Amino acid sequence: MVEREAKSTGISIAESLQLLMNSLGGIPMGRPAEPEEVAELVAFLVSPRAAYLSGTEYVIDGGTIPPFNPSII
């Protein structure tokens, strides 16, 4: 997506990536996730080591979306 956007707007891939990160409000980890990082979580979740997990939501966003804090409501 970043490469396609860079090509269509005539900017570099690095500039396109920075625009994407800025549009998200920044990514605290400093970069988007790599597909292999997402695959590692998927591999864990389908393994016997995750057998006792239930009803959990995992967000792989490098800290872009702050965790829910009920005390601020």
N, C-alpha and C. Protein backbone atom coordinates (compact mmCIF):
# COMPACT_ATOMS: atom_id res chain seq x y z
N MET A 1 0.82 -1.17 0.00
CA MET A 1 0.00 0.00 0.00
C MET A 1 0.88 1.25 0.00
N VAL A 2 1.91 1.25 0.82
CA VAL A 2 2.80 2.41 0.91
C VAL A 2 3.51 2.64 -0.43
N GLU A 3 3.95 1.55 -1.04
CA GLU A 3 4.62 1.67 -2.34
C GLU A 3 3.67 2.20 -3.40
N ARG A 4 2.46 1.70 -3.42
CA ARG A 4 1.46 2.15 -4.39
C ARG A 4 1.14 3.64 -4.21
N GLU A 5 0.99 4.06 -2.97
CA GLU A 5 0.71 5.47 -2.67
C GLU A 5 1.89 6.35 -3.09
N ALA A 6 3.10 5.91 -2.83
CA ALA A 6 4.29 6.67 -3.21
C ALA A 6 4.34 6.85 -4.73
N LYS A 7 4.10 5.76 -5.43
CA LYS A 7 4.15 5.81 -6.89
C LYS A 7 3.07 6.74 -7.45
N SER A 8 1.86 6.64 -6.91
CA SER A 8 0.76 7.44 -7.45
C SER A 8 0.88 8.93 -7.13
N THR A 9 1.59 9.27 -6.06
CA THR A 9 1.73 10.67 -5.67
C THR A 9 3.09 11.25 -6.03
N GLY A 10 4.01 10.41 -6.51
CA GLY A 10 5.32 10.89 -6.92
C GLY A 10 6.26 11.21 -5.78
N ILE A 11 6.06 10.56 -4.63
CA ILE A 11 6.97 10.77 -3.51
C ILE A 11 7.73 9.48 -3.23
N SER A 12 8.72 9.55 -2.35
CA SER A 12 9.50 8.36 -2.03
C SER A 12 8.71 7.43 -1.12
N ILE A 13 9.13 6.20 -1.06
CA ILE A 13 8.49 5.22 -0.18
C ILE A 13 8.62 5.66 1.27
N ALA A 14 9.78 6.19 1.63
CA ALA A 14 9.98 6.65 3.01
C ALA A 14 9.03 7.79 3.35
N GLU A 15 8.83 8.72 2.40
CA GLU A 15 7.90 9.82 2.64
C GLU A 15 6.47 9.31 2.75
N SER A 16 6.12 8.36 1.92
CA SER A 16 4.78 7.78 1.96
C SER A 16 4.54 7.07 3.28
N LEU A 17 5.54 6.33 3.75
CA LEU A 17 5.42 5.63 5.04
C LEU A 17 5.25 6.64 6.16
N GLN A 18 6.01 7.72 6.13
CA GLN A 18 5.90 8.74 7.17
C GLN A 18 4.53 9.39 7.15
N LEU A 19 3.98 9.66 5.96
CA LEU A 19 2.63 10.22 5.87
C LEU A 19 1.59 9.27 6.47
N LEU A 20 1.74 7.98 6.20
CA LEU A 20 0.82 6.99 6.78
C LEU A 20 0.92 6.99 8.30
N MET A 21 2.13 6.96 8.81
CA MET A 21 2.31 6.94 10.27
C MET A 21 1.76 8.23 10.89
N ASN A 22 1.97 9.36 10.24
CA ASN A 22 1.43 10.63 10.75
C ASN A 22 -0.10 10.62 10.75
N SER A 23 -0.70 10.03 9.72
CA SER A 23 -2.16 9.99 9.64
C SER A 23 -2.77 9.14 10.76
N LEU A 24 -1.98 8.21 11.28
CA LEU A 24 -2.44 7.38 12.39
C LEU A 24 -2.16 8.02 13.74
N GLY A 25 -1.53 9.18 13.73
CA GLY A 25 -1.16 9.83 14.98
C GLY A 25 0.18 9.36 15.48
N GLY A 26 0.93 8.69 14.63
CA GLY A 26 2.24 8.16 15.01
C GLY A 26 2.14 6.71 15.46
N ILE A 27 3.23 6.03 15.41
CA ILE A 27 3.32 4.65 15.90
C ILE A 27 4.44 4.64 16.94
N PRO A 28 4.10 4.48 18.22
CA PRO A 28 5.12 4.55 19.26
C PRO A 28 6.34 3.64 19.04
N MET A 29 6.14 2.51 18.40
CA MET A 29 7.26 1.61 18.13
C MET A 29 8.11 2.13 16.97
N GLY A 30 7.62 3.15 16.26
CA GLY A 30 8.40 3.79 15.21
C GLY A 30 8.29 3.19 13.83
N ARG A 31 7.49 2.13 13.69
CA ARG A 31 7.34 1.49 12.38
C ARG A 31 6.12 0.59 12.39
N PRO A 32 5.56 0.30 11.22
CA PRO A 32 4.47 -0.67 11.15
C PRO A 32 5.00 -2.08 11.44
N ALA A 33 4.10 -2.97 11.77
CA ALA A 33 4.49 -4.37 12.03
C ALA A 33 4.92 -5.04 10.73
N GLU A 34 5.83 -5.97 10.87
CA GLU A 34 6.22 -6.82 9.75
C GLU A 34 5.26 -8.00 9.69
N PRO A 35 4.97 -8.52 8.50
CA PRO A 35 4.08 -9.68 8.40
C PRO A 35 4.54 -10.86 9.26
N GLU A 36 5.84 -11.04 9.38
CA GLU A 36 6.37 -12.15 10.19
C GLU A 36 6.01 -11.98 11.66
N GLU A 37 5.92 -10.74 12.14
CA GLU A 37 5.56 -10.49 13.53
C GLU A 37 4.12 -10.89 13.79
N VAL A 38 3.25 -10.61 12.85
CA VAL A 38 1.84 -11.03 12.98
C VAL A 38 1.76 -12.55 12.90
N ALA A 39 2.53 -13.14 12.00
CA ALA A 39 2.53 -14.60 11.84
C ALA A 39 2.99 -15.29 13.12
N GLU A 40 3.94 -14.70 13.84
CA GLU A 40 4.41 -15.28 15.10
C GLU A 40 3.26 -15.40 16.11
N LEU A 41 2.43 -14.35 16.19
CA LEU A 41 1.28 -14.41 17.11
C LEU A 41 0.30 -15.48 16.66
N VAL A 42 0.01 -15.53 15.38
CA VAL A 42 -0.92 -16.53 14.85
C VAL A 42 -0.40 -17.94 15.14
N ALA A 43 0.89 -18.17 14.93
CA ALA A 43 1.48 -19.48 15.20
C ALA A 43 1.34 -19.84 16.67
N PHE A 44 1.55 -18.88 17.54
CA PHE A 44 1.38 -19.14 18.97
C PHE A 44 -0.07 -19.49 19.29
N LEU A 45 -1.00 -18.71 18.75
CA LEU A 45 -2.41 -18.91 19.08
C LEU A 45 -2.95 -20.26 18.61
N VAL A 46 -2.39 -20.81 17.54
CA VAL A 46 -2.87 -22.11 17.07
C VAL A 46 -2.06 -23.26 17.68
N SER A 47 -1.11 -22.93 18.51
CA SER A 47 -0.28 -23.97 19.13
C SER A 47 -0.91 -24.45 20.45
N PRO A 48 -0.47 -25.59 20.94
CA PRO A 48 -0.96 -26.08 22.23
C PRO A 48 -0.61 -25.15 23.39
N ARG A 49 0.40 -24.31 23.22
CA ARG A 49 0.81 -23.39 24.29
C ARG A 49 -0.26 -22.35 24.58
N ALA A 50 -1.19 -22.14 23.66
CA ALA A 50 -2.26 -21.16 23.86
C ALA A 50 -3.59 -21.83 24.20
N ALA A 51 -3.54 -23.08 24.58
CA ALA A 51 -4.76 -23.87 24.81
C ALA A 51 -5.66 -23.29 25.90
N TYR A 52 -5.12 -22.57 26.84
CA TYR A 52 -5.93 -22.07 27.95
C TYR A 52 -6.41 -20.64 27.74
N LEU A 53 -6.07 -20.04 26.61
CA LEU A 53 -6.53 -18.68 26.32
C LEU A 53 -7.96 -18.73 25.81
N SER A 54 -8.74 -17.76 26.23
CA SER A 54 -10.14 -17.72 25.81
C SER A 54 -10.63 -16.28 25.79
N GLY A 55 -11.26 -15.90 24.70
CA GLY A 55 -11.90 -14.60 24.63
C GLY A 55 -10.97 -13.41 24.72
N THR A 56 -9.80 -13.54 24.19
CA THR A 56 -8.83 -12.45 24.25
C THR A 56 -8.69 -11.79 22.90
N GLU A 57 -8.55 -10.47 22.90
CA GLU A 57 -8.35 -9.72 21.68
C GLU A 57 -6.92 -9.20 21.68
N TYR A 58 -6.21 -9.45 20.60
CA TYR A 58 -4.84 -8.98 20.47
C TYR A 58 -4.80 -7.86 19.43
N VAL A 59 -4.18 -6.77 19.78
CA VAL A 59 -4.03 -5.65 18.87
C VAL A 59 -2.55 -5.54 18.53
N ILE A 60 -2.25 -5.66 17.24
CA ILE A 60 -0.87 -5.57 16.79
C ILE A 60 -0.74 -4.26 16.03
N ASP A 61 -0.44 -3.20 16.77
CA ASP A 61 -0.40 -1.87 16.15
C ASP A 61 0.79 -1.04 16.63
N GLY A 62 1.72 -1.65 17.32
CA GLY A 62 2.89 -0.91 17.78
C GLY A 62 2.58 0.16 18.81
N GLY A 63 1.42 0.03 19.46
CA GLY A 63 1.02 0.99 20.48
C GLY A 63 0.25 2.19 19.94
N THR A 64 -0.20 2.13 18.68
CA THR A 64 -0.91 3.25 18.08
C THR A 64 -2.22 3.55 18.80
N ILE A 65 -2.97 2.52 19.10
CA ILE A 65 -4.25 2.69 19.80
C ILE A 65 -4.01 2.48 21.29
N PRO A 66 -4.24 3.51 22.12
CA PRO A 66 -4.02 3.35 23.55
C PRO A 66 -4.96 2.30 24.13
N PRO A 67 -4.51 1.56 25.13
CA PRO A 67 -5.40 0.57 25.76
C PRO A 67 -6.57 1.26 26.46
N PHE A 68 -7.67 0.56 26.55
CA PHE A 68 -8.87 1.07 27.21
C PHE A 68 -8.57 1.32 28.68
N ASN A 69 -8.93 2.49 29.16
CA ASN A 69 -8.72 2.83 30.55
C ASN A 69 -10.06 3.29 31.12
N PRO A 70 -10.77 2.42 31.85
CA PRO A 70 -12.10 2.79 32.36
C PRO A 70 -12.07 3.94 33.35
N SER A 71 -10.93 4.24 33.93
CA SER A 71 -10.87 5.31 34.93
C SER A 71 -11.00 6.70 34.30
N ILE A 72 -10.88 6.81 32.97
CA ILE A 72 -10.98 8.12 32.37
C ILE A 72 -12.40 8.43 31.87
N ILE A 73 -13.31 7.52 32.12
CA ILE A 73 -14.70 7.74 31.69
C ILE A 73 -15.45 8.51 32.76
